[in-house]
Amino acid sequence: IALGQEGYITVTFNTAGRNGFQQKQITVLTNAVPN
């Protein structure tokens, strides 16, 4: 992704077998600082 450009990280959550409050964490590793 060049300087000034945008991008998207799309996250799909499958609720099958889930019930009640759900919270999920997504960890993104990059060459940025912090990484």
PDB file of all heavy atoms in Angstrom:
ATOM      1  N   ILE A   1       0.879  -1.170   0.000  1.00  0.00           N
ATOM      2  CA  ILE A   1       0.000   0.000   0.000  1.00  0.00           C
ATOM      3  C   ILE A   1       0.919   1.223   0.000  1.00  0.00           C
ATOM      4  O   ILE A   1       1.681   1.436   0.944  1.00  0.00           O
ATOM      5  CB  ILE A   1      -0.922   0.027   1.241  1.00  0.00           C
ATOM      6  CG1 ILE A   1      -1.676  -1.304   1.400  1.00  0.00           C
ATOM      7  CG2 ILE A   1      -1.862   1.216   1.191  1.00  0.00           C
ATOM      8  CD1 ILE A   1      -2.610  -1.656   0.283  1.00  0.00           C
ATOM      9  N   ALA A   2       0.848   2.017  -1.058  1.00  0.00           N
ATOM     10  CA  ALA A   2       1.734   3.178  -1.207  1.00  0.00           C
ATOM     11  C   ALA A   2       1.335   4.288  -0.236  1.00  0.00           C
ATOM     12  O   ALA A   2       0.215   4.314   0.290  1.00  0.00           O
ATOM     13  CB  ALA A   2       1.686   3.693  -2.641  1.00  0.00           C
ATOM     14  N   LEU A   3       2.249   5.216  -0.028  1.00  0.00           N
ATOM     15  CA  LEU A   3       2.025   6.381   0.817  1.00  0.00           C
ATOM     16  C   LEU A   3       0.738   7.093   0.407  1.00  0.00           C
ATOM     17  O   LEU A   3       0.516   7.353  -0.772  1.00  0.00           O
ATOM     18  CB  LEU A   3       3.217   7.339   0.685  1.00  0.00           C
ATOM     19  CG  LEU A   3       3.067   8.731   1.285  1.00  0.00           C
ATOM     20  CD1 LEU A   3       2.906   8.634   2.794  1.00  0.00           C
ATOM     21  CD2 LEU A   3       4.267   9.577   0.941  1.00  0.00           C
ATOM     22  N   GLY A   4      -0.125   7.347   1.371  1.00  0.00           N
ATOM     23  CA  GLY A   4      -1.373   8.064   1.113  1.00  0.00           C
ATOM     24  C   GLY A   4      -2.504   7.203   0.585  1.00  0.00           C
ATOM     25  O   GLY A   4      -3.638   7.654   0.511  1.00  0.00           O
ATOM     26  N   GLN A   5      -2.226   5.955   0.235  1.00  0.00           N
ATOM     27  CA  GLN A   5      -3.265   5.076  -0.307  1.00  0.00           C
ATOM     28  C   GLN A   5      -4.055   4.415   0.824  1.00  0.00           C
ATOM     29  O   GLN A   5      -3.618   4.364   1.964  1.00  0.00           O
ATOM     30  CB  GLN A   5      -2.641   4.008  -1.205  1.00  0.00           C
ATOM     31  CG  GLN A   5      -1.956   4.577  -2.437  1.00  0.00           C
ATOM     32  CD  GLN A   5      -2.935   5.313  -3.328  1.00  0.00           C
ATOM     33  OE1 GLN A   5      -3.945   4.771  -3.731  1.00  0.00           O
ATOM     34  NE2 GLN A   5      -2.627   6.579  -3.624  1.00  0.00           N
ATOM     35  N   GLU A   6      -5.224   3.905   0.465  1.00  0.00           N
ATOM     36  CA  GLU A   6      -6.081   3.230   1.427  1.00  0.00           C
ATOM     37  C   GLU A   6      -6.214   1.760   1.088  1.00  0.00           C
ATOM     38  O   GLU A   6      -5.906   1.327  -0.022  1.00  0.00           O
ATOM     39  CB  GLU A   6      -7.462   3.874   1.454  1.00  0.00           C
ATOM     40  CG  GLU A   6      -8.213   3.717   0.143  1.00  0.00           C
ATOM     41  CD  GLU A   6      -9.539   4.455   0.138  1.00  0.00           C
ATOM     42  OE1 GLU A   6      -9.587   5.614   0.574  1.00  0.00           O
ATOM     43  OE2 GLU A   6     -10.518   3.839  -0.322  1.00  0.00           O
ATOM     44  N   GLY A   7      -6.689   1.003   2.050  1.00  0.00           N
ATOM     45  CA  GLY A   7      -6.951  -0.411   1.859  1.00  0.00           C
ATOM     46  C   GLY A   7      -7.999  -0.862   2.852  1.00  0.00           C
ATOM     47  O   GLY A   7      -8.453  -0.079   3.705  1.00  0.00           O
ATOM     48  N   TYR A   8      -8.385  -2.130   2.746  1.00  0.00           N
ATOM     49  CA  TYR A   8      -9.409  -2.685   3.620  1.00  0.00           C
ATOM     50  C   TYR A   8      -8.979  -4.042   4.140  1.00  0.00           C
ATOM     51  O   TYR A   8      -8.411  -4.850   3.395  1.00  0.00           O
ATOM     52  CB  TYR A   8     -10.735  -2.848   2.871  1.00  0.00           C
ATOM     53  CG  TYR A   8     -11.346  -1.538   2.447  1.00  0.00           C
ATOM     54  CD1 TYR A   8     -11.024  -0.972   1.217  1.00  0.00           C
ATOM     55  CD2 TYR A   8     -12.235  -0.871   3.280  1.00  0.00           C
ATOM     56  CE1 TYR A   8     -11.575   0.238   0.827  1.00  0.00           C
ATOM     57  CE2 TYR A   8     -12.799   0.341   2.892  1.00  0.00           C
ATOM     58  CZ  TYR A   8     -12.462   0.882   1.669  1.00  0.00           C
ATOM     59  OH  TYR A   8     -13.006   2.074   1.287  1.00  0.00           O
ATOM     60  N   ILE A   9      -9.293  -4.285   5.400  1.00  0.00           N
ATOM     61  CA  ILE A   9      -9.190  -5.620   5.982  1.00  0.00           C
ATOM     62  C   ILE A   9     -10.626  -6.035   6.258  1.00  0.00           C
ATOM     63  O   ILE A   9     -11.318  -5.415   7.078  1.00  0.00           O
ATOM     64  CB  ILE A   9      -8.343  -5.633   7.260  1.00  0.00           C
ATOM     65  CG1 ILE A   9      -6.899  -5.267   6.922  1.00  0.00           C
ATOM     66  CG2 ILE A   9      -8.426  -7.008   7.944  1.00  0.00           C
ATOM     67  CD1 ILE A   9      -5.997  -5.113   8.118  1.00  0.00           C
ATOM     68  N   THR A  10     -11.094  -7.052   5.531  1.00  0.00           N
ATOM     69  CA  THR A  10     -12.472  -7.512   5.670  1.00  0.00           C
ATOM     70  C   THR A  10     -12.490  -8.726   6.582  1.00  0.00           C
ATOM     71  O   THR A  10     -11.727  -9.676   6.393  1.00  0.00           O
ATOM     72  CB  THR A  10     -13.072  -7.861   4.294  1.00  0.00           C
ATOM     73  OG1 THR A  10     -13.023  -6.687   3.472  1.00  0.00           O
ATOM     74  CG2 THR A  10     -14.513  -8.331   4.419  1.00  0.00           C
ATOM     75  N   VAL A  11     -13.386  -8.668   7.568  1.00  0.00           N
ATOM     76  CA  VAL A  11     -13.509  -9.736   8.553  1.00  0.00           C
ATOM     77  C   VAL A  11     -14.903 -10.330   8.450  1.00  0.00           C
ATOM     78  O   VAL A  11     -15.900  -9.599   8.491  1.00  0.00           O
ATOM     79  CB  VAL A  11     -13.268  -9.184   9.976  1.00  0.00           C
ATOM     80  CG1 VAL A  11     -13.408 -10.278  11.004  1.00  0.00           C
ATOM     81  CG2 VAL A  11     -11.907  -8.522  10.072  1.00  0.00           C
ATOM     82  N   THR A  12     -14.982 -11.654   8.286  1.00  0.00           N
ATOM     83  CA  THR A  12     -16.268 -12.347   8.226  1.00  0.00           C
ATOM     84  C   THR A  12     -16.402 -13.222   9.465  1.00  0.00           C
ATOM     85  O   THR A  12     -15.537 -14.053   9.745  1.00  0.00           O
ATOM     86  CB  THR A  12     -16.372 -13.206   6.954  1.00  0.00           C
ATOM     87  OG1 THR A  12     -16.217 -12.347   5.815  1.00  0.00           O
ATOM     88  CG2 THR A  12     -17.713 -13.911   6.871  1.00  0.00           C
ATOM     89  N   PHE A  13     -17.482 -12.996  10.195  1.00  0.00           N
ATOM     90  CA  PHE A  13     -17.768 -13.719  11.435  1.00  0.00           C
ATOM     91  C   PHE A  13     -18.916 -14.683  11.179  1.00  0.00           C
ATOM     92  O   PHE A  13     -20.010 -14.273  10.817  1.00  0.00           O
ATOM     93  CB  PHE A  13     -18.115 -12.716  12.537  1.00  0.00           C
ATOM     94  CG  PHE A  13     -18.576 -13.324  13.827  1.00  0.00           C
ATOM     95  CD1 PHE A  13     -17.918 -14.385  14.419  1.00  0.00           C
ATOM     96  CD2 PHE A  13     -19.690 -12.800  14.484  1.00  0.00           C
ATOM     97  CE1 PHE A  13     -18.343 -14.928  15.613  1.00  0.00           C
ATOM     98  CE2 PHE A  13     -20.127 -13.330  15.681  1.00  0.00           C
ATOM     99  CZ  PHE A  13     -19.459 -14.395  16.250  1.00  0.00           C
ATOM    100  N   ASN A  14     -18.656 -15.984  11.367  1.00  0.00           N
ATOM    101  CA  ASN A  14     -19.667 -17.020  11.209  1.00  0.00           C
ATOM    102  C   ASN A  14     -20.261 -17.295  12.586  1.00  0.00           C
ATOM    103  O   ASN A  14     -19.587 -17.819  13.468  1.00  0.00           O
ATOM    104  CB  ASN A  14     -19.048 -18.287  10.619  1.00  0.00           C
ATOM    105  CG  ASN A  14     -20.077 -19.359  10.340  1.00  0.00           C
ATOM    106  OD1 ASN A  14     -21.242 -19.235  10.696  1.00  0.00           O
ATOM    107  ND2 ASN A  14     -19.630 -20.425   9.698  1.00  0.00           N
ATOM    108  N   THR A  15     -21.535 -16.956  12.774  1.00  0.00           N
ATOM    109  CA  THR A  15     -22.177 -17.074  14.082  1.00  0.00           C
ATOM    110  C   THR A  15     -22.711 -18.472  14.384  1.00  0.00           C
ATOM    111  O   THR A  15     -23.263 -18.693  15.469  1.00  0.00           O
ATOM    112  CB  THR A  15     -23.321 -16.056  14.204  1.00  0.00           C
ATOM    113  OG1 THR A  15     -24.322 -16.389  13.236  1.00  0.00           O
ATOM    114  CG2 THR A  15     -22.823 -14.644  13.991  1.00  0.00           C
ATOM    115  N   ALA A  16     -22.569 -19.407  13.444  1.00  0.00           N
ATOM    116  CA  ALA A  16     -23.065 -20.774  13.671  1.00  0.00           C
ATOM    117  C   ALA A  16     -22.438 -21.349  14.942  1.00  0.00           C
ATOM    118  O   ALA A  16     -21.228 -21.280  15.144  1.00  0.00           O
ATOM    119  CB  ALA A  16     -22.748 -21.661  12.477  1.00  0.00           C
ATOM    120  N   GLY A  17     -23.279 -21.895  15.792  1.00  0.00           N
ATOM    121  CA  GLY A  17     -22.811 -22.508  17.030  1.00  0.00           C
ATOM    122  C   GLY A  17     -22.483 -21.502  18.129  1.00  0.00           C
ATOM    123  O   GLY A  17     -21.960 -21.875  19.176  1.00  0.00           O
ATOM    124  N   ARG A  18     -22.767 -20.255  17.916  1.00  0.00           N
ATOM    125  CA  ARG A  18     -22.485 -19.204  18.906  1.00  0.00           C
ATOM    126  C   ARG A  18     -23.801 -18.733  19.518  1.00  0.00           C
ATOM    127  O   ARG A  18     -24.851 -18.770  18.881  1.00  0.00           O
ATOM    128  CB  ARG A  18     -21.782 -18.004  18.266  1.00  0.00           C
ATOM    129  CG  ARG A  18     -20.570 -18.368  17.477  1.00  0.00           C
ATOM    130  CD  ARG A  18     -19.409 -18.671  18.382  1.00  0.00           C
ATOM    131  NE  ARG A  18     -18.301 -19.174  17.571  1.00  0.00           N
ATOM    132  CZ  ARG A  18     -17.380 -19.966  18.023  1.00  0.00           C
ATOM    133  NH1 ARG A  18     -17.391 -20.361  19.272  1.00  0.00           N
ATOM    134  NH2 ARG A  18     -16.420 -20.375  17.249  1.00  0.00           N
ATOM    135  N   ASN A  19     -23.737 -18.271  20.747  1.00  0.00           N
ATOM    136  CA  ASN A  19     -24.913 -17.753  21.421  1.00  0.00           C
ATOM    137  C   ASN A  19     -24.468 -16.728  22.456  1.00  0.00           C
ATOM    138  O   ASN A  19     -23.446 -16.897  23.108  1.00  0.00           O
ATOM    139  CB  ASN A  19     -25.695 -18.880  22.093  1.00  0.00           C
ATOM    140  CG  ASN A  19     -27.059 -18.431  22.554  1.00  0.00           C
ATOM    141  OD1 ASN A  19     -27.633 -17.486  22.027  1.00  0.00           O
ATOM    142  ND2 ASN A  19     -27.596 -19.114  23.558  1.00  0.00           N
ATOM    143  N   GLY A  20     -25.229 -15.636  22.563  1.00  0.00           N
ATOM    144  CA  GLY A  20     -24.904 -14.605  23.543  1.00  0.00           C
ATOM    145  C   GLY A  20     -23.874 -13.630  23.018  1.00  0.00           C
ATOM    146  O   GLY A  20     -23.606 -13.550  21.821  1.00  0.00           O
ATOM    147  N   PHE A  21     -23.290 -12.873  23.938  1.00  0.00           N
ATOM    148  CA  PHE A  21     -22.331 -11.846  23.563  1.00  0.00           C
ATOM    149  C   PHE A  21     -21.040 -12.486  23.045  1.00  0.00           C
ATOM    150  O   PHE A  21     -20.483 -13.385  23.674  1.00  0.00           O
ATOM    151  CB  PHE A  21     -22.018 -10.945  24.759  1.00  0.00           C
ATOM    152  CG  PHE A  21     -21.017  -9.875  24.440  1.00  0.00           C
ATOM    153  CD1 PHE A  21     -21.366  -8.790  23.660  1.00  0.00           C
ATOM    154  CD2 PHE A  21     -19.719  -9.978  24.903  1.00  0.00           C
ATOM    155  CE1 PHE A  21     -20.440  -7.803  23.360  1.00  0.00           C
ATOM    156  CE2 PHE A  21     -18.784  -8.995  24.608  1.00  0.00           C
ATOM    157  CZ  PHE A  21     -19.147  -7.900  23.834  1.00  0.00           C
ATOM    158  N   GLN A  22     -20.569 -12.018  21.907  1.00  0.00           N
ATOM    159  CA  GLN A  22     -19.343 -12.522  21.284  1.00  0.00           C
ATOM    160  C   GLN A  22     -18.416 -11.339  21.012  1.00  0.00           C
ATOM    161  O   GLN A  22     -18.862 -10.292  20.540  1.00  0.00           O
ATOM    162  CB  GLN A  22     -19.646 -13.228  19.960  1.00  0.00           C
ATOM    163  CG  GLN A  22     -20.603 -14.390  20.079  1.00  0.00           C
ATOM    164  CD  GLN A  22     -19.974 -15.561  20.805  1.00  0.00           C
ATOM    165  OE1 GLN A  22     -18.867 -15.977  20.502  1.00  0.00           O
ATOM    166  NE2 GLN A  22     -20.703 -16.094  21.784  1.00  0.00           N
ATOM    167  N   GLN A  23     -17.148 -11.522  21.312  1.00  0.00           N
ATOM    168  CA  GLN A  23     -16.136 -10.514  21.021  1.00  0.00           C
ATOM    169  C   GLN A  23     -14.914 -11.231  20.483  1.00  0.00           C
ATOM    170  O   GLN A  23     -14.415 -12.161  21.109  1.00  0.00           O
ATOM    171  CB  GLN A  23     -15.786  -9.733  22.287  1.00  0.00           C
ATOM    172  CG  GLN A  23     -14.752  -8.656  22.066  1.00  0.00           C
ATOM    173  CD  GLN A  23     -14.602  -7.760  23.278  1.00  0.00           C
ATOM    174  OE1 GLN A  23     -15.569  -7.185  23.754  1.00  0.00           O
ATOM    175  NE2 GLN A  23     -13.379  -7.653  23.780  1.00  0.00           N
ATOM    176  N   LYS A  24     -14.444 -10.808  19.324  1.00  0.00           N
ATOM    177  CA  LYS A  24     -13.307 -11.455  18.667  1.00  0.00           C
ATOM    178  C   LYS A  24     -12.228 -10.417  18.377  1.00  0.00           C
ATOM    179  O   LYS A  24     -12.515  -9.280  18.006  1.00  0.00           O
ATOM    180  CB  LYS A  24     -13.736 -12.124  17.351  1.00  0.00           C
ATOM    181  CG  LYS A  24     -14.917 -13.073  17.493  1.00  0.00           C
ATOM    182  CD  LYS A  24     -14.635 -14.202  18.436  1.00  0.00           C
ATOM    183  CE  LYS A  24     -15.872 -15.064  18.631  1.00  0.00           C
ATOM    184  NZ  LYS A  24     -15.726 -15.995  19.722  1.00  0.00           N
ATOM    185  N   GLN A  25     -10.991 -10.833  18.529  1.00  0.00           N
ATOM    186  CA  GLN A  25      -9.839  -9.955  18.298  1.00  0.00           C
ATOM    187  C   GLN A  25      -9.159 -10.346  16.996  1.00  0.00           C
ATOM    188  O   GLN A  25      -8.976 -11.523  16.713  1.00  0.00           O
ATOM    189  CB  GLN A  25      -8.861 -10.099  19.458  1.00  0.00           C
ATOM    190  CG  GLN A  25      -7.604  -9.287  19.307  1.00  0.00           C
ATOM    191  CD  GLN A  25      -6.735  -9.388  20.548  1.00  0.00           C
ATOM    192  OE1 GLN A  25      -7.166  -9.069  21.641  1.00  0.00           O
ATOM    193  NE2 GLN A  25      -5.504  -9.842  20.369  1.00  0.00           N
ATOM    194  N   ILE A  26      -8.769  -9.354  16.219  1.00  0.00           N
ATOM    195  CA  ILE A  26      -8.052  -9.564  14.964  1.00  0.00           C
ATOM    196  C   ILE A  26      -6.699  -8.867  15.106  1.00  0.00           C
ATOM    197  O   ILE A  26      -6.646  -7.670  15.389  1.00  0.00           O
ATOM    198  CB  ILE A  26      -8.834  -9.006  13.748  1.00  0.00           C
ATOM    199  CG1 ILE A  26     -10.185  -9.714  13.605  1.00  0.00           C
ATOM    200  CG2 ILE A  26      -8.034  -9.153  12.472  1.00  0.00           C
ATOM    201  CD1 ILE A  26     -11.307  -9.046  14.303  1.00  0.00           C
ATOM    202  N   THR A  27      -5.618  -9.615  14.913  1.00  0.00           N
ATOM    203  CA  THR A  27      -4.267  -9.072  15.050  1.00  0.00           C
ATOM    204  C   THR A  27      -3.687  -8.853  13.662  1.00  0.00           C
ATOM    205  O   THR A  27      -3.665  -9.765  12.841  1.00  0.00           O
ATOM    206  CB  THR A  27      -3.373 -10.045  15.850  1.00  0.00           C
ATOM    207  OG1 THR A  27      -3.989 -10.271  17.124  1.00  0.00           O
ATOM    208  CG2 THR A  27      -1.982  -9.470  16.049  1.00  0.00           C
ATOM    209  N   VAL A  28      -3.217  -7.626  13.413  1.00  0.00           N
ATOM    210  CA  VAL A  28      -2.669  -7.226  12.115  1.00  0.00           C
ATOM    211  C   VAL A  28      -1.166  -7.008  12.287  1.00  0.00           C
ATOM    212  O   VAL A  28      -0.749  -6.183  13.102  1.00  0.00           O
ATOM    213  CB  VAL A  28      -3.338  -5.930  11.608  1.00  0.00           C
ATOM    214  CG1 VAL A  28      -2.784  -5.529  10.247  1.00  0.00           C
ATOM    215  CG2 VAL A  28      -4.851  -6.092  11.563  1.00  0.00           C
ATOM    216  N   LEU A  29      -0.347  -7.757  11.529  1.00  0.00           N
ATOM    217  CA  LEU A  29       1.104  -7.596  11.554  1.00  0.00           C
ATOM    218  C   LEU A  29       1.552  -6.902  10.272  1.00  0.00           C
ATOM    219  O   LEU A  29       1.175  -7.311   9.178  1.00  0.00           O
ATOM    220  CB  LEU A  29       1.808  -8.945  11.671  1.00  0.00           C
ATOM    221  CG  LEU A  29       1.562  -9.724  12.955  1.00  0.00           C
ATOM    222  CD1 LEU A  29       2.256 -11.069  12.903  1.00  0.00           C
ATOM    223  CD2 LEU A  29       2.014  -8.936  14.161  1.00  0.00           C
ATOM    224  N   THR A  30       2.368  -5.852  10.427  1.00  0.00           N
ATOM    225  CA  THR A  30       2.807  -5.057   9.283  1.00  0.00           C
ATOM    226  C   THR A  30       4.286  -4.707   9.415  1.00  0.00           C
ATOM    227  O   THR A  30       4.927  -5.057  10.408  1.00  0.00           O
ATOM    228  CB  THR A  30       2.013  -3.728   9.205  1.00  0.00           C
ATOM    229  OG1 THR A  30       2.409  -2.898  10.301  1.00  0.00           O
ATOM    230  CG2 THR A  30       0.521  -3.951   9.240  1.00  0.00           C
ATOM    231  N   ASN A  31       4.786  -3.980   8.428  1.00  0.00           N
ATOM    232  CA  ASN A  31       6.144  -3.451   8.512  1.00  0.00           C
ATOM    233  C   ASN A  31       6.141  -2.020   9.050  1.00  0.00           C
ATOM    234  O   ASN A  31       7.131  -1.316   8.972  1.00  0.00           O
ATOM    235  CB  ASN A  31       6.831  -3.505   7.136  1.00  0.00           C
ATOM    236  CG  ASN A  31       6.187  -2.587   6.123  1.00  0.00           C
ATOM    237  OD1 ASN A  31       4.993  -2.321   6.166  1.00  0.00           O
ATOM    238  ND2 ASN A  31       6.974  -2.122   5.179  1.00  0.00           N
ATOM    239  N   ALA A  32       5.016  -1.582   9.600  1.00  0.00           N
ATOM    240  CA  ALA A  32       4.884  -0.237  10.163  1.00  0.00           C
ATOM    241  C   ALA A  32       5.482  -0.186  11.566  1.00  0.00           C
ATOM    242  O   ALA A  32       5.876  -1.207  12.132  1.00  0.00           O
ATOM    243  CB  ALA A  32       3.413   0.161  10.211  1.00  0.00           C
ATOM    244  N   VAL A  33       5.525   1.007  12.106  1.00  0.00           N
ATOM    245  CA  VAL A  33       5.980   1.194  13.480  1.00  0.00           C
ATOM    246  C   VAL A  33       4.850   1.853  14.248  1.00  0.00           C
ATOM    247  O   VAL A  33       4.446   2.956  13.885  1.00  0.00           O
ATOM    248  CB  VAL A  33       7.244   2.074  13.534  1.00  0.00           C
ATOM    249  CG1 VAL A  33       7.666   2.334  14.964  1.00  0.00           C
ATOM    250  CG2 VAL A  33       8.378   1.420  12.761  1.00  0.00           C
ATOM    251  N   PRO A  34       4.250   1.191  15.243  1.00  0.00           N
ATOM    252  CA  PRO A  34       4.523  -0.170  15.684  1.00  0.00           C
ATOM    253  C   PRO A  34       4.020  -1.191  14.662  1.00  0.00           C
ATOM    254  O   PRO A  34       3.178  -0.874  13.839  1.00  0.00           O
ATOM    255  CB  PRO A  34       3.755  -0.280  16.999  1.00  0.00           C
ATOM    256  CG  PRO A  34       2.638   0.695  16.875  1.00  0.00           C
ATOM    257  CD  PRO A  34       3.159   1.814  16.013  1.00  0.00           C
ATOM    258  N   ASN A  35       4.528  -2.414  14.755  1.00  0.00           N
ATOM    259  CA  ASN A  35       4.228  -3.399  13.719  1.00  0.00           C
ATOM    260  C   ASN A  35       2.965  -4.229  13.986  1.00  0.00           C
ATOM    261  O   ASN A  35       2.607  -5.061  13.169  1.00  0.00           O
ATOM    262  CB  ASN A  35       5.419  -4.322  13.492  1.00  0.00           C
ATOM    263  CG  ASN A  35       5.649  -5.274  14.643  1.00  0.00           C
ATOM    264  OD1 ASN A  35       5.220  -5.030  15.759  1.00  0.00           O
ATOM    265  ND2 ASN A  35       6.363  -6.347  14.381  1.00  0.00           N
TER     266      ASN A  35
END
